Protein backbone atom coordinates (compact mmCIF):
# COMPACT_ATOMS: atom_id res chain seq x y z
CA UNK A 1 19.28 76.73 -13.88
CA UNK A 2 18.54 76.54 -10.15
CA UNK A 3 18.63 79.90 -8.36
CA UNK A 4 20.16 78.44 -5.20
CA UNK A 5 23.72 79.30 -4.25
CA UNK A 6 26.59 77.98 -6.34
CA UNK A 7 28.87 77.98 -3.30
CA UNK A 8 32.10 79.90 -3.58
CA UNK A 9 31.57 80.23 -7.33
CA UNK A 10 28.70 82.57 -6.57
CA UNK A 11 30.96 84.60 -4.30
CA UNK A 12 33.50 85.02 -7.09
CA UNK A 13 30.83 86.09 -9.56
CA UNK A 14 29.42 88.60 -7.09
CA UNK A 15 32.92 90.00 -6.57
CA UNK A 16 33.29 90.36 -10.32
CA UNK A 17 30.04 92.31 -10.55
CA UNK A 18 31.14 94.52 -7.65
CA UNK A 19 34.52 95.31 -9.17
CA UNK A 20 33.22 95.97 -12.68
CA UNK A 21 30.16 98.28 -12.95
CA UNK A 22 26.99 97.40 -14.82
CA UNK A 23 27.97 99.70 -17.68
CA UNK A 24 31.08 97.59 -18.29
CA UNK A 25 28.96 94.43 -18.36
CA UNK A 26 26.62 96.04 -20.88
CA UNK A 27 29.55 97.05 -23.09
CA UNK A 28 30.91 93.50 -22.96
CA UNK A 29 27.54 92.12 -23.96
CA UNK A 30 27.33 94.51 -26.88
CA UNK A 31 30.86 93.59 -27.97
CA UNK A 32 29.98 89.89 -27.80
CA UNK A 33 26.97 90.44 -30.06
CA UNK A 34 29.04 92.34 -32.63
CA UNK A 35 32.08 90.06 -32.81
CA UNK A 36 31.89 86.43 -33.87
CA UNK A 37 34.66 83.92 -33.07
CA UNK A 38 34.87 82.89 -36.73
CA UNK A 39 36.00 86.41 -37.60
CA UNK A 40 39.26 85.82 -35.72
CA UNK A 41 40.27 82.68 -37.61
CA UNK A 42 43.59 83.15 -39.39
CA UNK A 43 47.26 83.85 -38.84
CA UNK A 44 48.66 86.78 -36.83
CA UNK A 45 52.17 88.14 -36.45
CA UNK A 46 53.66 90.46 -33.88
CA UNK A 47 55.94 90.85 -30.89
CA UNK A 48 55.95 89.43 -27.37
CA UNK A 49 57.80 91.25 -24.59
CA UNK A 50 59.19 89.23 -21.71
CA UNK A 51 59.65 90.07 -18.01
CA UNK A 52 63.07 91.60 -18.67
CA UNK A 53 61.86 93.74 -21.55
CA UNK A 54 63.29 91.51 -24.27
CA UNK A 55 61.34 91.29 -27.54
CA UNK A 56 60.58 88.14 -29.50
CA UNK A 57 58.73 87.70 -32.82
CA UNK A 58 55.52 85.69 -32.52
CA UNK A 59 53.27 84.03 -35.10
CA UNK A 60 49.88 82.63 -34.11
CA UNK A 61 47.37 80.67 -36.15
CA UNK A 62 43.81 80.52 -34.80
CA UNK A 63 41.26 77.89 -35.74
CA UNK A 64 37.68 77.71 -34.48
CA UNK A 65 35.45 74.66 -34.48
CA UNK A 66 33.18 72.84 -32.05
CA UNK A 67 32.80 76.02 -29.97
CA UNK A 68 36.49 76.36 -29.07
CA UNK A 69 39.69 77.89 -30.45
CA UNK A 70 42.70 75.73 -31.31
CA UNK A 71 45.85 76.31 -33.36
CA UNK A 72 49.48 77.02 -32.61
CA UNK A 73 52.02 79.62 -31.51
CA UNK A 74 55.59 79.94 -32.75
CA UNK A 75 58.13 82.33 -31.27
CA UNK A 76 60.91 82.16 -33.86
CA UNK A 77 62.64 80.11 -36.50
CA UNK A 78 63.66 76.69 -35.27
CA UNK A 79 61.46 76.89 -32.17
CA UNK A 80 58.89 74.22 -31.37
CA UNK A 81 55.25 75.04 -32.02
CA UNK A 82 53.26 75.68 -28.83
CA UNK A 83 49.78 74.14 -29.25
CA UNK A 84 46.64 76.12 -28.44
CA UNK A 85 44.56 73.53 -26.62
CA UNK A 86 41.37 75.56 -26.11
CA UNK A 87 40.09 79.12 -26.12
CA UNK A 88 37.03 81.32 -25.74
CA UNK A 89 35.81 84.73 -26.86
CA UNK A 90 33.65 86.75 -24.45
CA UNK A 91 32.79 90.19 -25.76
CA UNK A 92 36.14 91.52 -26.99
CA UNK A 93 38.19 89.34 -24.60
CA UNK A 94 40.01 86.37 -26.13
CA UNK A 95 41.45 83.78 -23.73
CA UNK A 96 43.69 81.01 -25.11
CA UNK A 97 45.11 78.03 -23.21
CA UNK A 98 48.57 76.89 -24.33
CA UNK A 99 50.54 73.71 -23.70
CA UNK A 100 54.21 74.54 -23.18
CA UNK A 101 55.82 71.09 -23.10
CA UNK A 102 53.25 69.85 -20.61
CA UNK A 103 53.03 73.08 -18.57
CA UNK A 104 49.93 75.28 -18.95
CA UNK A 105 50.22 78.88 -20.16
CA UNK A 106 47.60 81.50 -20.99
CA UNK A 107 47.30 84.25 -23.57
CA UNK A 108 44.63 86.87 -22.78
CA UNK A 109 43.97 89.53 -25.43
CA UNK A 110 41.61 92.35 -26.21
CA UNK A 111 40.36 92.20 -29.80
CA UNK A 112 40.75 95.44 -31.72
CA UNK A 113 38.41 95.13 -34.68
CA UNK A 114 39.05 91.74 -36.29
CA UNK A 115 42.70 92.19 -37.25
CA UNK A 116 44.56 93.20 -34.06
CA UNK A 117 45.10 91.50 -30.70
CA UNK A 118 46.65 93.22 -27.68
CA UNK A 119 47.16 91.60 -24.31
CA UNK A 120 49.24 89.58 -21.90
CA UNK A 121 50.77 86.13 -21.61
CA UNK A 122 51.53 84.11 -18.50
CA UNK A 123 53.56 80.92 -18.13
CA UNK A 124 54.25 79.76 -14.60
CA UNK A 125 55.82 82.69 -12.72
CA UNK A 126 56.72 84.50 -15.96
CA UNK A 127 54.51 87.07 -17.67
CA UNK A 128 54.67 89.69 -20.38
CA UNK A 129 52.74 91.49 -23.11
CA UNK A 130 51.98 90.76 -26.74
CA UNK A 131 50.69 92.73 -29.74
CA UNK A 132 49.59 90.92 -32.91
CA UNK A 133 48.11 91.96 -36.25
CA UNK A 134 46.59 89.82 -38.96
CA UNK A 135 49.28 88.50 -41.29
CA UNK A 136 49.27 89.29 -45.03
CA UNK A 137 47.40 86.89 -47.27
CA UNK A 138 49.55 83.93 -48.21
CA UNK A 139 51.49 83.83 -44.92
CA UNK A 140 52.26 80.24 -43.96
CA UNK A 141 50.08 79.21 -41.00
CA UNK A 142 51.57 77.78 -37.84
CA UNK A 143 51.09 74.03 -37.55
CA UNK A 144 52.12 71.63 -34.84
CA UNK A 145 52.33 68.66 -37.19
CA UNK A 146 55.78 67.11 -37.43
CA UNK A 147 57.17 64.10 -39.28
CA UNK A 148 57.48 62.25 -35.97
CA UNK A 149 53.81 62.78 -35.25
CA UNK A 150 52.60 61.44 -38.59
CA UNK A 151 51.46 57.83 -38.67
CA UNK A 152 53.61 55.39 -40.61
CA UNK A 153 52.17 54.36 -43.96
CA UNK A 154 53.34 53.12 -47.32
CA UNK A 155 54.79 56.54 -48.16
CA UNK A 156 56.33 57.02 -44.72
CA UNK A 157 57.49 53.61 -43.44
CA UNK A 158 59.28 53.25 -40.09
CA UNK A 159 63.05 52.96 -40.15
CA UNK A 160 64.39 49.43 -40.38
CA UNK A 161 65.04 48.04 -36.93
CA UNK A 162 63.14 50.80 -35.19
CA UNK A 163 60.98 49.87 -32.22
CA UNK A 164 57.30 49.65 -33.08
CA UNK A 165 55.26 52.63 -32.02
CA UNK A 166 52.74 52.30 -29.23
CA UNK A 167 49.19 51.66 -30.42
CA UNK A 168 46.83 54.61 -30.28
CA UNK A 169 44.17 54.63 -27.63
CA UNK A 170 41.09 52.71 -28.58
CA UNK A 171 38.50 54.77 -30.40
CA UNK A 172 35.98 54.06 -27.65
CA UNK A 173 38.28 55.14 -24.80
CA UNK A 174 36.61 57.74 -22.57
CA UNK A 175 39.01 59.65 -20.29
CA UNK A 176 36.42 62.27 -19.31
CA UNK A 177 33.21 60.63 -18.06
CA UNK A 178 33.04 60.54 -14.29
CA UNK A 179 33.23 62.70 -11.20
CA UNK A 180 36.05 65.27 -10.80
CA UNK A 181 37.27 67.13 -7.72
CA UNK A 182 38.42 70.63 -8.61
CA UNK A 183 39.48 73.98 -7.23
CA UNK A 184 39.44 77.51 -8.61
CA UNK A 185 40.29 80.88 -7.17
CA UNK A 186 42.22 84.10 -7.39
CA UNK A 187 44.91 85.35 -5.03
CA UNK A 188 44.14 84.14 -1.52
CA UNK A 189 40.67 82.86 -2.44
CA UNK A 190 40.37 79.12 -3.07
CA UNK A 191 37.03 77.54 -3.99
CA UNK A 192 36.62 73.73 -4.20
CA UNK A 193 34.02 72.24 -6.51
CA UNK A 194 32.90 68.94 -8.02
CA UNK A 195 32.12 68.28 -11.68
CA UNK A 196 30.18 65.33 -13.05
CA UNK A 197 30.96 64.94 -16.74
CA UNK A 198 29.54 62.65 -19.42
CA UNK A 199 31.16 62.31 -22.85
CA UNK A 200 29.18 61.18 -25.91
CA UNK A 201 31.28 61.44 -29.05
CA UNK A 202 32.64 64.99 -28.73
CA UNK A 203 29.62 66.27 -26.77
CA UNK A 204 30.00 66.93 -23.03
CA UNK A 205 27.17 67.26 -20.54
CA UNK A 206 27.06 67.30 -16.76
CA UNK A 207 26.96 69.60 -13.77
CA UNK A 208 29.15 71.55 -11.37
CA UNK A 209 28.42 71.82 -7.66
CA UNK A 210 29.69 72.73 -4.22
CA UNK A 211 28.51 72.21 -0.66
CA UNK A 212 25.63 74.65 -1.08
CA UNK A 213 24.23 73.86 -4.52
CA UNK A 214 24.96 73.47 -8.19
CA UNK A 215 23.95 73.93 -11.80
CA UNK A 216 24.10 72.02 -15.07
CA UNK A 217 26.41 72.73 -17.98
CA UNK A 218 25.30 73.88 -21.39
CA UNK A 219 26.36 71.01 -23.71
CA UNK A 220 30.07 71.51 -24.38
CA UNK A 221 32.86 69.96 -26.44
CA UNK A 222 35.83 67.69 -25.75
CA UNK A 223 38.17 67.23 -28.71
CA UNK A 224 41.85 66.34 -29.00
CA UNK A 225 42.25 66.56 -25.23
CA UNK A 226 40.71 70.07 -25.02
CA UNK A 227 37.55 70.79 -23.03
CA UNK A 228 35.13 73.72 -23.42
CA UNK A 229 31.98 73.93 -21.27
CA UNK A 230 29.68 76.74 -20.11
CA UNK A 231 27.15 77.26 -17.37
CA UNK A 232 24.77 80.12 -16.66
CA UNK A 233 24.65 81.96 -13.35
CA UNK A 234 21.75 84.40 -13.05
CA UNK A 235 22.18 85.45 -16.68
CA UNK A 236 25.99 85.58 -16.56
CA UNK A 237 27.79 83.10 -18.82
CA UNK A 238 30.69 81.35 -17.10
CA UNK A 239 32.97 79.48 -19.52
CA UNK A 240 35.50 76.85 -18.55
CA UNK A 241 38.21 75.79 -20.99
CA UNK A 242 40.91 73.29 -20.18
CA UNK A 243 43.15 70.52 -21.39
CA UNK A 244 43.59 66.95 -20.22
CA UNK A 245 47.20 66.37 -19.19
CA UNK A 246 48.36 63.19 -17.49
CA UNK A 247 44.92 62.50 -16.10
CA UNK A 248 44.36 66.04 -14.78
CA UNK A 249 42.21 68.82 -16.26
CA UNK A 250 43.84 72.27 -16.12
CA UNK A 251 42.48 75.49 -17.57
CA UNK A 252 40.86 78.88 -17.05
CA UNK A 253 37.40 79.99 -15.98
CA UNK A 254 36.00 83.13 -17.64
CA UNK A 255 33.23 85.15 -15.96
CA UNK A 256 31.40 86.89 -18.83
CA UNK A 257 34.66 88.38 -20.06
CA UNK A 258 35.06 90.36 -16.84
CA UNK A 259 37.43 88.12 -14.90
CA UNK A 260 39.50 84.99 -15.56
CA UNK A 261 40.75 82.46 -13.02
CA UNK A 262 42.77 79.28 -13.20
CA UNK A 263 41.21 75.94 -12.29
CA UNK A 264 42.32 72.35 -12.02
CA UNK A 265 40.53 69.06 -11.36
CA UNK A 266 41.43 65.42 -10.83
CA UNK A 267 39.19 62.44 -11.46
CA UNK A 268 37.86 60.62 -8.42
């Protein structure tokens, strides 16, 4: 990685180091070495508390493959499953991106051992807390698959007279490769950036830059509309996860488990 400035991104990272002492960074690094993402795979049950103090039962199923978390969240019987589009684990900090009917939401938890998650959720202007524990063996996992989403086949033919479904995107379609204009920040701070991405299969390479410099990404993953990429800044791992929605990438940026910020980018 080049040691030149990474524009405003460098400013944000330096702020993170200033706010959190070196001892905290060391503890995060130790936690990351001890806890593997695969250890969190499974189903969890618990309670979410909303802004008004109301409680709601929550079930979450976590999957981990291709260097990112996926799965689903369900908040009660009869409720639609909320897909987990991407997620990362940095130290003991788990950050999950959710797709709430096209609107992004985030679940940020501290991992307690490998069977308990405690943290916060945000969705637009709403926010609350959540506590989850690993569900007993045999608990039915949360799945977003529905009959409407299954392809028609001999065992599941379309209804007579129904309009034909739209053809799936061609296997070779590439919605990611190209140059993207983005912005990230926190509070009153707004930092523009540019990403150049190249997709080969599910592998993503490229770089991120600003007016004063840039750096390349560690090869990442793009699968089922979810993106996970990482770059290194002076030994600090910065992870970007996001989801492709209506031509725009939206997600969170994690600075070594010490700070998370939202980001969004549109293709040039």
